[in-house]
Protein backbone atom coordinates (compact mmCIF):
# COMPACT_ATOMS: atom_id res chain seq x y z
CA MET A 1 -14.30 24.45 -31.34
CA THR A 2 -14.26 27.92 -30.41
CA LEU A 3 -11.12 30.01 -29.12
CA TYR A 4 -11.81 29.99 -25.75
CA TYR A 5 -12.67 26.08 -25.52
CA THR A 6 -8.78 26.22 -27.73
CA LEU A 7 -7.66 27.53 -24.69
CA VAL A 8 -9.15 25.02 -21.86
CA PHE A 9 -7.92 22.21 -24.02
CA VAL A 10 -4.27 23.87 -24.32
CA LEU A 11 -4.51 24.69 -20.34
CA LEU A 12 -5.24 20.99 -19.49
CA VAL A 13 -2.60 19.78 -21.58
CA LEU A 14 -0.37 22.08 -19.56
CA GLU A 15 -1.69 20.73 -16.58
CA MET A 16 -0.75 17.09 -17.54
CA THR A 17 2.57 18.22 -18.31
CA LEU A 18 3.02 19.50 -15.24
CA PHE A 19 1.49 16.40 -13.61
CA MET A 20 3.99 14.55 -15.09
CA LEU A 21 6.99 16.50 -14.14
CA LEU A 22 5.68 16.96 -10.63
CA ILE A 23 5.91 12.94 -10.09
CA VAL A 24 9.12 12.40 -11.88
CA PRO A 25 11.21 11.02 -9.41
CA LEU A 26 14.44 13.35 -8.66
CA PRO A 27 16.99 13.79 -6.41
CA PHE A 28 16.49 15.28 -3.43
CA GLY A 29 18.49 18.73 -4.30
CA VAL A 30 16.77 19.47 -7.64
CA LYS A 31 13.42 18.85 -6.22
CA ARG A 32 14.21 21.27 -3.36
CA LYS A 33 15.62 23.78 -5.16
CA ILE A 34 12.62 23.66 -8.19
CA PHE A 35 10.22 23.54 -5.27
CA THR A 36 12.68 26.77 -3.61
CA PHE A 37 12.29 28.99 -6.79
CA ILE A 38 8.81 28.38 -7.67
CA SER A 39 7.72 28.78 -3.97
CA GLU A 40 9.44 32.13 -4.14
CA ASN A 41 9.06 33.57 -7.56
CA PRO A 42 7.19 36.50 -7.92
CA VAL A 43 6.94 35.85 -10.86
CA VAL A 44 4.86 32.30 -10.74
CA ALA A 45 3.19 34.12 -7.52
CA LYS A 46 1.09 36.30 -10.52
CA ILE A 47 0.68 33.67 -13.08
CA GLN A 48 -0.68 31.46 -10.01
CA TYR A 49 -2.83 34.36 -9.73
CA TRP A 50 -4.48 34.96 -12.90
CA MET A 51 -4.48 31.55 -13.59
CA LYS A 52 -7.21 30.83 -10.45
CA ILE A 53 -9.10 34.01 -11.78
CA THR A 54 -8.79 31.59 -15.34
CA PHE A 55 -10.03 28.79 -13.79
CA VAL A 56 -12.77 30.87 -12.12
CA PHE A 57 -13.61 31.38 -15.86
CA ILE A 58 -13.60 28.03 -16.67
CA LEU A 59 -16.00 27.01 -14.01
CA ILE A 60 -18.61 29.23 -15.43
CA LEU A 61 -18.13 27.16 -19.32
CA PHE A 62 -18.30 24.46 -17.06
CA ILE A 63 -21.80 25.56 -15.61
CA ASP A 64 -22.99 26.62 -19.11
CA SER A 65 -21.97 23.42 -20.73
CA VAL A 66 -23.57 21.40 -18.29
CA ASN A 67 -27.34 23.43 -18.89
CA ARG A 68 -26.28 22.75 -22.26
CA VAL A 69 -25.93 19.37 -22.15
CA TYR A 70 -29.19 19.32 -19.91
CA ARG A 71 -31.06 21.74 -22.64
CA VAL A 72 -30.35 19.19 -25.80
CA GLN A 73 -31.45 15.98 -24.10
CA ILE A 74 -34.75 17.65 -23.88
CA GLU A 75 -35.13 18.82 -27.28
CA LEU A 76 -33.44 14.95 -28.26
CA MET A 77 -36.27 13.04 -26.42
CA ALA A 78 -39.30 15.87 -27.98
CA ALA A 79 -37.61 14.97 -31.13
CA SER A 80 -37.82 11.18 -30.48
CA GLU A 81 -41.54 11.94 -29.48
CA GLN A 82 -42.09 13.86 -32.47
CA ALA A 83 -40.63 10.82 -34.77
CA HIS A 84 -42.39 8.35 -33.22
CA LYS A 85 -45.35 9.78 -34.35
CA GLY A 86 -44.85 9.61 -37.98
CA SER A 87 -45.05 13.05 -39.32
CA ALA A 88 -42.18 14.58 -41.63
CA ALA A 89 -40.09 11.90 -40.83
CA GLY A 90 -37.05 13.23 -43.05
CA VAL A 91 -37.48 16.38 -41.73
CA MET A 92 -37.27 15.51 -38.27
CA GLY A 93 -34.43 12.89 -39.30
CA HIS A 94 -32.38 15.65 -40.23
CA GLU A 95 -33.37 17.92 -36.57
CA ARG A 96 -32.44 14.99 -34.79
CA LEU A 97 -29.05 14.25 -36.64
CA GLU A 98 -28.58 18.02 -35.94
CA VAL A 99 -29.78 17.87 -32.09
CA GLN A 100 -26.91 14.86 -31.68
CA ALA A 101 -25.11 16.68 -33.10
CA ARG A 102 -25.06 19.56 -30.59
CA LYS A 103 -25.08 16.88 -27.91
CA PHE A 104 -21.83 15.39 -28.81
CA TYR A 105 -19.81 19.11 -28.75
CA SER A 106 -22.09 19.90 -25.27
CA GLN A 107 -20.46 16.73 -23.60
CA ARG A 108 -17.51 17.04 -25.02
CA ASN A 109 -17.00 20.98 -23.71
CA MET A 110 -18.36 19.48 -20.44
CA TYR A 111 -15.67 16.59 -20.50
CA LEU A 112 -12.75 19.32 -21.19
CA CYS A 113 -14.12 21.79 -18.62
CA GLY A 114 -14.73 19.60 -15.59
CA PHE A 115 -11.04 17.53 -16.59
CA THR A 116 -9.37 20.98 -16.44
CA LEU A 117 -11.11 22.12 -12.85
CA PHE A 118 -10.35 18.37 -11.64
CA LEU A 119 -7.06 18.02 -12.56
CA SER A 120 -6.11 21.58 -11.28
CA LEU A 121 -7.27 20.40 -7.76
CA ILE A 122 -5.20 17.19 -8.17
CA LEU A 123 -2.20 19.70 -9.10
CA ASN A 124 -2.86 22.13 -5.93
CA ARG A 125 -2.82 18.73 -3.34
CA THR A 126 0.10 17.37 -4.94
CA TYR A 127 1.83 20.15 -4.80
CA VAL A 128 1.13 20.45 -1.20
CA MET A 129 1.69 17.11 -0.67
CA ILE A 130 5.05 17.16 -2.27
CA ILE A 131 6.35 20.44 0.41
CA GLU A 132 5.16 18.86 3.19
CA VAL A 133 7.27 15.57 2.45
CA MET A 134 9.74 17.48 2.00
CA ARG A 135 9.53 19.69 4.78
CA LEU A 136 9.49 16.71 7.44
CA GLU A 137 12.37 14.80 5.04
CA ASP A 138 14.42 18.24 6.27
CA ARG A 139 13.41 17.67 10.02
CA LEU A 140 14.24 14.31 10.06
CA LYS A 141 17.82 14.47 8.42
CA SER A 142 18.19 17.53 11.05
CA TYR A 143 17.30 15.42 14.28
CA GLU A 144 19.41 12.63 12.92
CA GLY A 145 22.50 14.93 12.55
CA THR A 146 22.98 14.51 9.30
CA ASN A 147 22.31 18.07 7.72
CA LYS A 148 25.27 19.91 6.69
CA ASP A 149 23.40 23.08 7.72
CA THR A 150 22.70 21.91 11.97
CA LYS A 151 26.35 19.80 12.59
CA GLN A 152 27.57 22.96 14.33
CA SER A 153 24.25 23.90 15.92
CA GLU A 154 23.77 20.10 17.29
CA LYS A 155 26.79 21.70 19.79
CA LEU A 156 24.86 24.27 20.92
CA ALA A 157 21.91 21.94 21.07
CA VAL A 158 18.98 23.98 22.14
CA ALA A 159 15.34 22.91 23.03
CA GLY A 160 13.00 23.06 19.98
CA LYS A 161 16.25 23.26 17.27
CA PRO A 162 17.71 21.08 14.71
CA GLY A 163 20.35 19.18 16.42
CA GLU A 164 18.61 18.92 19.54
CA LEU A 165 19.04 14.54 19.62
CA ALA A 166 22.84 14.71 19.02
CA GLY A 167 23.06 17.37 21.79
CA LEU A 168 21.16 15.12 23.93
CA LYS A 169 23.01 12.14 23.36
CA GLU A 170 26.56 13.85 23.83
CA LYS A 171 25.50 14.91 27.33
CA LEU A 172 23.61 11.26 28.09
CA GLU A 173 27.30 9.46 27.18
CA LYS A 174 29.01 12.44 29.95
CA LYS A 175 26.68 11.58 32.52
CA ASP A 176 26.67 8.29 31.89
CA GLN A 177 30.66 8.55 32.83
CA ASP A 178 30.35 10.77 35.76
CA LEU A 179 27.52 8.22 37.26
CA GLN A 180 30.67 5.15 36.57
CA THR A 181 33.19 7.80 37.85
CA LEU A 182 30.58 8.23 41.18
CA LYS A 183 30.25 4.29 41.96
CA LYS A 184 34.14 3.34 41.41
CA GLN A 185 34.45 6.40 44.08
CA SER A 186 32.04 5.15 46.05
CA GLU A 187 33.42 1.78 45.52
CA GLN A 188 36.08 2.39 47.57
CA LEU A 189 34.98 4.72 49.76
CA HIS A 190 33.12 1.97 51.06
CA LYS A 191 35.97 -0.35 51.35
CA SER A 192 37.88 1.93 53.31
CA TYR A 193 35.03 2.89 55.56
CA ASP A 194 35.30 -1.94 56.65
CA GLU A 195 38.73 -1.28 56.74
CA LEU A 196 38.66 1.36 59.44
CA SER A 197 35.71 -0.28 60.84
CA ASP A 198 37.62 -3.43 61.62
CA LYS A 199 40.65 -1.58 62.65
CA TYR A 200 38.32 0.82 64.98
CA ALA A 201 36.75 -2.78 66.29
CA ALA A 202 40.12 -4.67 66.77
CA LEU A 203 41.31 -1.38 68.77
CA GLN A 204 38.35 -1.47 70.70
CA LYS A 205 39.07 -5.33 71.62
CA ASP A 206 42.64 -4.33 72.33
CA HIS A 207 41.47 -1.39 74.99
CA GLU A 208 39.19 -3.60 76.69
CA SER A 209 41.66 -6.44 76.81
CA THR A 210 44.49 -4.11 78.43
CA LYS A 211 41.29 -2.73 80.97
CA THR A 212 40.86 -5.89 82.12
CA ARG A 213 44.55 -6.79 82.97
């Protein structure tokens, strides 16, 4: 195996290791620190930039290996046809083995580059999905009022900010209490009004009775 294909193999092993680390279950706080470090570290950003350039070269190697597999397949078919004709069977058998070996190495390089590129796409998508899940978990905790960083902001609930739901619940409870108080006051006023109406009606009857006398 040549040097650049050896480097591709090392990169493939590294990608497999990173993928295993991504899917390992970790506590939310630890995972958050790790991904925050990866997202904000400038060294990691430079590494990602150079990795993108590296994957461009791996894509070129993959295309070249596919082309080699195609050419070797054509040579193998031509060697098989000549072998069937029976001309120089011993020499053609040796050439056939050589072509088979070239086919094997070409296919190995093609699969190596192909799996490396495919796993890079899976790693990128898995990383993005984990970041989105962590953001959704933070948002959910902030809306439920369980996030320590947003306990103070819940008291000053503002639309569109963490702690809004808890603040709205407090306001709703206060409104319910005010409504119950108003109901009690209205009932008392209604009773007082009925009593005054009865007294007024009784006074009217007494007044009319005195007039008739």
